[in-house]
Amino acid sequence: MNPELYEYISTKLFKAGASDVYYTSIFMKKSRPGIKFSVLCKSDKLEQLKKIVLTETTTFGLRTFPVSKTELERTFEKKQTKYGEITIKSGFLNGIKIKEKPEYEDCKKIADNNNISINEIYDFTGKG
């Protein structure tokens, strides 16, 4: 499949409800190089996303199987900085905070609005 189509198909899948879309370089039978196209979704989106994959890619078939996901409990807190308000996401395991990080979209917006590197925003929040 033409790699130029990957972004188009990924965007279409995300708009249709995919939780994640990713590509993995693999070797197929007879040592032929290929790309494994993976789509994660909730079961109620499966049929719609299968249709997109079958009609928008060169594949003649696909494999499906259930997966499980373990997530940390999360909280979101607004933090005022000299650059503006940034949302900080915290992750908890068994009620204990084990990590936190600034939300990417907030950092991106502030970096763009202030014409500075996004790394400066991450460094400033101490979470880079």
N, C-alpha and C. Protein backbone atom coordinates (compact mmCIF):
# COMPACT_ATOMS: atom_id res chain seq x y z
N MET A 1 0.85 -1.17 0.00
CA MET A 1 0.00 0.00 0.00
C MET A 1 0.89 1.24 0.00
N ASN A 2 0.49 2.23 -0.71
CA ASN A 2 1.23 3.48 -0.78
C ASN A 2 1.28 4.12 0.61
N PRO A 3 2.48 4.32 1.18
CA PRO A 3 2.61 4.91 2.52
C PRO A 3 2.00 6.32 2.64
N GLU A 4 1.84 7.00 1.52
CA GLU A 4 1.21 8.32 1.58
C GLU A 4 -0.22 8.24 2.09
N LEU A 5 -0.84 7.07 2.02
CA LEU A 5 -2.22 6.91 2.45
C LEU A 5 -2.37 6.68 3.95
N TYR A 6 -1.28 6.36 4.65
CA TYR A 6 -1.37 6.04 6.08
C TYR A 6 -2.04 7.15 6.88
N GLU A 7 -1.60 8.36 6.68
CA GLU A 7 -2.15 9.48 7.47
C GLU A 7 -3.63 9.68 7.16
N TYR A 8 -4.02 9.58 5.90
CA TYR A 8 -5.42 9.74 5.50
C TYR A 8 -6.29 8.69 6.20
N ILE A 9 -5.84 7.43 6.15
CA ILE A 9 -6.62 6.34 6.74
C ILE A 9 -6.65 6.47 8.27
N SER A 10 -5.53 6.81 8.88
CA SER A 10 -5.49 6.99 10.33
C SER A 10 -6.47 8.07 10.77
N THR A 11 -6.47 9.19 10.08
CA THR A 11 -7.38 10.29 10.41
C THR A 11 -8.83 9.84 10.30
N LYS A 12 -9.14 9.12 9.25
CA LYS A 12 -10.50 8.62 9.05
C LYS A 12 -10.91 7.67 10.18
N LEU A 13 -10.00 6.80 10.59
CA LEU A 13 -10.29 5.86 11.66
C LEU A 13 -10.48 6.58 13.00
N PHE A 14 -9.63 7.56 13.29
CA PHE A 14 -9.79 8.32 14.53
C PHE A 14 -11.13 9.05 14.55
N LYS A 15 -11.51 9.65 13.44
CA LYS A 15 -12.80 10.35 13.37
C LYS A 15 -13.97 9.39 13.57
N ALA A 16 -13.79 8.13 13.17
CA ALA A 16 -14.84 7.13 13.31
C ALA A 16 -14.85 6.45 14.68
N GLY A 17 -13.92 6.83 15.55
CA GLY A 17 -13.94 6.31 16.92
C GLY A 17 -12.82 5.40 17.34
N ALA A 18 -11.77 5.27 16.54
CA ALA A 18 -10.62 4.45 16.95
C ALA A 18 -9.96 5.08 18.17
N SER A 19 -9.55 4.24 19.11
CA SER A 19 -8.82 4.73 20.28
C SER A 19 -7.35 4.95 19.95
N ASP A 20 -6.81 4.11 19.07
CA ASP A 20 -5.42 4.26 18.66
C ASP A 20 -5.23 3.57 17.31
N VAL A 21 -4.29 4.07 16.54
CA VAL A 21 -3.93 3.50 15.25
C VAL A 21 -2.41 3.53 15.19
N TYR A 22 -1.79 2.40 14.84
CA TYR A 22 -0.34 2.40 14.73
C TYR A 22 0.12 1.39 13.70
N TYR A 23 1.35 1.56 13.26
CA TYR A 23 1.94 0.76 12.20
C TYR A 23 3.21 0.11 12.73
N THR A 24 3.43 -1.15 12.36
CA THR A 24 4.62 -1.88 12.78
C THR A 24 5.27 -2.50 11.55
N SER A 25 6.57 -2.28 11.41
CA SER A 25 7.31 -2.90 10.31
C SER A 25 7.50 -4.38 10.63
N ILE A 26 7.14 -5.24 9.68
CA ILE A 26 7.23 -6.69 9.89
C ILE A 26 7.81 -7.36 8.64
N PHE A 27 8.15 -8.66 8.79
CA PHE A 27 8.47 -9.50 7.65
C PHE A 27 7.35 -10.51 7.52
N MET A 28 6.81 -10.62 6.32
CA MET A 28 5.72 -11.55 6.05
C MET A 28 6.31 -12.85 5.50
N LYS A 29 5.42 -13.71 4.98
CA LYS A 29 5.90 -14.98 4.43
C LYS A 29 6.91 -14.72 3.31
N LYS A 30 7.81 -15.66 3.14
CA LYS A 30 8.89 -15.57 2.16
C LYS A 30 9.78 -14.35 2.39
N SER A 31 9.83 -13.89 3.64
CA SER A 31 10.67 -12.77 4.08
C SER A 31 10.36 -11.45 3.38
N ARG A 32 9.13 -11.28 2.97
CA ARG A 32 8.73 -10.03 2.32
C ARG A 32 8.49 -8.97 3.37
N PRO A 33 9.07 -7.78 3.19
CA PRO A 33 8.81 -6.70 4.15
C PRO A 33 7.38 -6.22 4.03
N GLY A 34 6.81 -5.84 5.15
CA GLY A 34 5.44 -5.33 5.15
C GLY A 34 5.19 -4.44 6.35
N ILE A 35 4.00 -3.90 6.40
CA ILE A 35 3.57 -3.05 7.51
C ILE A 35 2.32 -3.66 8.12
N LYS A 36 2.36 -3.91 9.42
CA LYS A 36 1.17 -4.36 10.13
C LYS A 36 0.44 -3.12 10.61
N PHE A 37 -0.79 -3.03 10.26
CA PHE A 37 -1.65 -1.89 10.54
C PHE A 37 -2.54 -2.29 11.70
N SER A 38 -2.44 -1.63 12.86
CA SER A 38 -3.20 -2.01 14.05
C SER A 38 -4.15 -0.89 14.44
N VAL A 39 -5.37 -1.28 14.81
CA VAL A 39 -6.39 -0.33 15.22
C VAL A 39 -6.99 -0.84 16.52
N LEU A 40 -6.99 0.01 17.53
CA LEU A 40 -7.64 -0.32 18.80
C LEU A 40 -8.95 0.44 18.88
N CYS A 41 -10.00 -0.25 19.33
CA CYS A 41 -11.31 0.41 19.43
C CYS A 41 -12.18 -0.32 20.43
N LYS A 42 -13.24 0.34 20.84
CA LYS A 42 -14.27 -0.29 21.67
C LYS A 42 -15.12 -1.16 20.76
N SER A 43 -15.73 -2.19 21.34
CA SER A 43 -16.45 -3.18 20.54
C SER A 43 -17.60 -2.58 19.73
N ASP A 44 -18.22 -1.51 20.22
CA ASP A 44 -19.34 -0.92 19.48
C ASP A 44 -18.89 -0.19 18.22
N LYS A 45 -17.59 0.05 18.05
CA LYS A 45 -17.05 0.72 16.87
C LYS A 45 -16.44 -0.27 15.87
N LEU A 46 -16.35 -1.53 16.24
CA LEU A 46 -15.60 -2.51 15.46
C LEU A 46 -16.08 -2.63 14.01
N GLU A 47 -17.36 -2.81 13.79
CA GLU A 47 -17.86 -3.02 12.42
C GLU A 47 -17.60 -1.81 11.53
N GLN A 48 -17.82 -0.62 12.06
CA GLN A 48 -17.59 0.61 11.28
C GLN A 48 -16.10 0.74 10.91
N LEU A 49 -15.22 0.43 11.86
CA LEU A 49 -13.78 0.56 11.60
C LEU A 49 -13.28 -0.54 10.66
N LYS A 50 -13.83 -1.74 10.79
CA LYS A 50 -13.45 -2.82 9.86
C LYS A 50 -13.80 -2.41 8.43
N LYS A 51 -14.94 -1.81 8.25
CA LYS A 51 -15.35 -1.37 6.91
C LYS A 51 -14.36 -0.36 6.33
N ILE A 52 -13.90 0.57 7.15
CA ILE A 52 -12.92 1.56 6.69
C ILE A 52 -11.63 0.86 6.28
N VAL A 53 -11.13 -0.05 7.11
CA VAL A 53 -9.88 -0.75 6.80
C VAL A 53 -10.02 -1.55 5.51
N LEU A 54 -11.13 -2.24 5.36
CA LEU A 54 -11.32 -3.08 4.17
C LEU A 54 -11.53 -2.27 2.89
N THR A 55 -12.13 -1.11 2.99
CA THR A 55 -12.38 -0.31 1.78
C THR A 55 -11.29 0.70 1.47
N GLU A 56 -10.51 1.11 2.46
CA GLU A 56 -9.52 2.17 2.25
C GLU A 56 -8.08 1.67 2.17
N THR A 57 -7.86 0.38 2.44
CA THR A 57 -6.49 -0.16 2.37
C THR A 57 -6.46 -1.27 1.31
N THR A 58 -5.29 -1.82 1.10
CA THR A 58 -5.14 -2.88 0.10
C THR A 58 -5.36 -4.27 0.67
N THR A 59 -5.69 -4.37 1.97
CA THR A 59 -5.85 -5.68 2.59
C THR A 59 -7.06 -6.43 2.06
N PHE A 60 -6.95 -7.75 2.07
CA PHE A 60 -8.07 -8.63 1.69
C PHE A 60 -8.69 -9.27 2.93
N GLY A 61 -8.17 -8.96 4.10
CA GLY A 61 -8.72 -9.52 5.33
C GLY A 61 -8.04 -8.93 6.55
N LEU A 62 -8.65 -9.18 7.70
CA LEU A 62 -8.06 -8.70 8.94
C LEU A 62 -8.38 -9.64 10.08
N ARG A 63 -7.56 -9.56 11.09
CA ARG A 63 -7.75 -10.38 12.29
C ARG A 63 -8.24 -9.47 13.40
N THR A 64 -9.18 -9.97 14.20
CA THR A 64 -9.64 -9.21 15.35
C THR A 64 -9.54 -10.09 16.59
N PHE A 65 -9.28 -9.46 17.71
CA PHE A 65 -9.24 -10.17 18.98
C PHE A 65 -9.42 -9.17 20.10
N PRO A 66 -10.00 -9.62 21.22
CA PRO A 66 -10.21 -8.69 22.35
C PRO A 66 -8.90 -8.42 23.08
N VAL A 67 -8.77 -7.22 23.60
CA VAL A 67 -7.62 -6.85 24.43
C VAL A 67 -8.17 -6.19 25.70
N SER A 68 -7.36 -6.16 26.71
CA SER A 68 -7.75 -5.47 27.94
C SER A 68 -6.78 -4.32 28.18
N LYS A 69 -7.22 -3.38 28.99
CA LYS A 69 -6.41 -2.20 29.25
C LYS A 69 -6.45 -1.89 30.74
N THR A 70 -5.30 -1.62 31.31
CA THR A 70 -5.21 -1.20 32.71
C THR A 70 -4.81 0.26 32.72
N GLU A 71 -5.56 1.07 33.44
CA GLU A 71 -5.28 2.51 33.49
C GLU A 71 -5.13 2.96 34.94
N LEU A 72 -4.31 3.98 35.10
CA LEU A 72 -4.23 4.63 36.40
C LEU A 72 -5.46 5.49 36.62
N GLU A 73 -5.85 5.65 37.87
CA GLU A 73 -6.87 6.64 38.19
C GLU A 73 -6.26 8.01 37.89
N ARG A 74 -7.04 8.91 37.33
CA ARG A 74 -6.49 10.20 36.90
C ARG A 74 -7.27 11.38 37.48
N THR A 75 -6.52 12.44 37.74
CA THR A 75 -7.14 13.71 38.08
C THR A 75 -6.52 14.79 37.20
N PHE A 76 -7.25 15.87 37.00
CA PHE A 76 -6.77 16.99 36.21
C PHE A 76 -6.90 18.25 37.04
N GLU A 77 -5.81 19.01 37.11
CA GLU A 77 -5.78 20.22 37.92
C GLU A 77 -5.19 21.35 37.09
N LYS A 78 -5.81 22.52 37.15
CA LYS A 78 -5.30 23.69 36.44
C LYS A 78 -4.21 24.34 37.28
N LYS A 79 -3.12 24.70 36.60
CA LYS A 79 -2.00 25.36 37.28
C LYS A 79 -1.72 26.66 36.53
N GLN A 80 -1.68 27.76 37.25
CA GLN A 80 -1.39 29.05 36.65
C GLN A 80 0.13 29.23 36.58
N THR A 81 0.64 29.59 35.42
CA THR A 81 2.07 29.83 35.24
C THR A 81 2.26 31.21 34.63
N LYS A 82 3.49 31.63 34.53
CA LYS A 82 3.77 32.93 33.90
C LYS A 82 3.39 32.92 32.42
N TYR A 83 3.25 31.72 31.84
CA TYR A 83 2.87 31.60 30.45
C TYR A 83 1.36 31.47 30.25
N GLY A 84 0.65 31.20 31.33
CA GLY A 84 -0.78 30.99 31.25
C GLY A 84 -1.16 29.71 31.99
N GLU A 85 -2.42 29.36 31.89
CA GLU A 85 -2.95 28.21 32.61
C GLU A 85 -2.60 26.91 31.88
N ILE A 86 -2.10 25.94 32.64
CA ILE A 86 -1.75 24.63 32.10
C ILE A 86 -2.46 23.56 32.93
N THR A 87 -3.03 22.60 32.25
CA THR A 87 -3.66 21.47 32.93
C THR A 87 -2.60 20.43 33.25
N ILE A 88 -2.56 20.01 34.50
CA ILE A 88 -1.63 18.97 34.94
C ILE A 88 -2.44 17.70 35.19
N LYS A 89 -2.04 16.62 34.53
CA LYS A 89 -2.70 15.33 34.72
C LYS A 89 -1.88 14.52 35.71
N SER A 90 -2.54 13.99 36.75
CA SER A 90 -1.88 13.15 37.75
C SER A 90 -2.42 11.74 37.66
N GLY A 91 -1.54 10.76 37.86
CA GLY A 91 -1.92 9.35 37.83
C GLY A 91 -1.72 8.72 39.20
N PHE A 92 -2.72 7.95 39.64
CA PHE A 92 -2.71 7.35 40.96
C PHE A 92 -2.82 5.83 40.85
N LEU A 93 -2.04 5.13 41.69
CA LEU A 93 -2.11 3.68 41.80
C LEU A 93 -2.43 3.36 43.24
N ASN A 94 -3.56 2.71 43.45
CA ASN A 94 -4.01 2.39 44.81
C ASN A 94 -4.07 3.63 45.69
N GLY A 95 -4.53 4.73 45.12
CA GLY A 95 -4.71 5.97 45.86
C GLY A 95 -3.45 6.79 46.07
N ILE A 96 -2.32 6.33 45.54
CA ILE A 96 -1.05 7.05 45.72
C ILE A 96 -0.64 7.65 44.38
N LYS A 97 -0.35 8.97 44.39
CA LYS A 97 0.09 9.62 43.15
C LYS A 97 1.46 9.10 42.79
N ILE A 98 1.58 8.57 41.55
CA ILE A 98 2.87 8.04 41.12
C ILE A 98 3.46 8.82 39.95
N LYS A 99 2.65 9.67 39.30
CA LYS A 99 3.19 10.49 38.22
C LYS A 99 2.27 11.65 37.91
N GLU A 100 2.84 12.66 37.28
CA GLU A 100 2.06 13.78 36.77
C GLU A 100 2.78 14.39 35.59
N LYS A 101 2.00 15.01 34.72
CA LYS A 101 2.59 15.65 33.55
C LYS A 101 1.64 16.71 33.02
N PRO A 102 2.20 17.73 32.38
CA PRO A 102 1.34 18.75 31.77
C PRO A 102 0.66 18.19 30.52
N GLU A 103 -0.53 18.66 30.24
CA GLU A 103 -1.25 18.22 29.04
C GLU A 103 -0.59 18.81 27.80
N TYR A 104 -0.33 17.95 26.84
CA TYR A 104 0.36 18.34 25.63
C TYR A 104 -0.33 19.50 24.91
N GLU A 105 -1.64 19.42 24.71
CA GLU A 105 -2.35 20.46 23.95
C GLU A 105 -2.21 21.83 24.60
N ASP A 106 -2.23 21.90 25.94
CA ASP A 106 -2.02 23.17 26.64
C ASP A 106 -0.61 23.69 26.38
N CYS A 107 0.38 22.80 26.48
CA CYS A 107 1.78 23.21 26.26
C CYS A 107 1.98 23.67 24.82
N LYS A 108 1.41 22.96 23.89
CA LYS A 108 1.52 23.33 22.47
C LYS A 108 0.93 24.71 22.21
N LYS A 109 -0.26 24.95 22.74
CA LYS A 109 -0.94 26.24 22.55
C LYS A 109 -0.11 27.38 23.14
N ILE A 110 0.41 27.18 24.34
CA ILE A 110 1.21 28.23 24.98
C ILE A 110 2.49 28.47 24.20
N ALA A 111 3.15 27.41 23.75
CA ALA A 111 4.38 27.56 22.97
C ALA A 111 4.10 28.33 21.68
N ASP A 112 3.03 27.98 20.98
CA ASP A 112 2.67 28.68 19.75
C ASP A 112 2.32 30.14 20.01
N ASN A 113 1.53 30.40 21.05
CA ASN A 113 1.10 31.77 21.36
C ASN A 113 2.24 32.66 21.82
N ASN A 114 3.26 32.07 22.42
CA ASN A 114 4.39 32.85 22.94
C ASN A 114 5.64 32.75 22.07
N ASN A 115 5.52 32.02 20.93
CA ASN A 115 6.64 31.84 20.01
C ASN A 115 7.90 31.34 20.73
N ILE A 116 7.70 30.30 21.56
CA ILE A 116 8.82 29.68 22.26
C ILE A 116 8.75 28.17 22.05
N SER A 117 9.82 27.50 22.38
CA SER A 117 9.90 26.05 22.23
C SER A 117 8.96 25.36 23.21
N ILE A 118 8.31 24.30 22.76
CA ILE A 118 7.45 23.53 23.66
C ILE A 118 8.28 22.91 24.78
N ASN A 119 9.56 22.64 24.49
CA ASN A 119 10.44 22.10 25.54
C ASN A 119 10.60 23.07 26.69
N GLU A 120 10.58 24.36 26.38
CA GLU A 120 10.68 25.37 27.44
C GLU A 120 9.47 25.28 28.37
N ILE A 121 8.32 25.02 27.81
CA ILE A 121 7.10 24.90 28.64
C ILE A 121 7.20 23.65 29.50
N TYR A 122 7.60 22.53 28.92
CA TYR A 122 7.76 21.31 29.70
C TYR A 122 8.81 21.50 30.80
N ASP A 123 9.95 22.13 30.46
CA ASP A 123 10.99 22.37 31.46
C ASP A 123 10.48 23.28 32.57
N PHE A 124 9.71 24.30 32.17
CA PHE A 124 9.19 25.26 33.15
C PHE A 124 8.25 24.59 34.15
N THR A 125 7.45 23.66 33.67
CA THR A 125 6.51 22.98 34.57
C THR A 125 7.21 21.89 35.38
N GLY A 126 8.49 21.63 35.06
CA GLY A 126 9.24 20.62 35.80
C GLY A 126 8.88 19.21 35.42
N LYS A 127 8.20 19.03 34.29
CA LYS A 127 7.73 17.70 33.91
C LYS A 127 8.29 17.26 32.57
N GLY A 128 9.29 17.95 32.05
CA GLY A 128 9.80 17.64 30.73
C GLY A 128 10.64 16.41 30.65
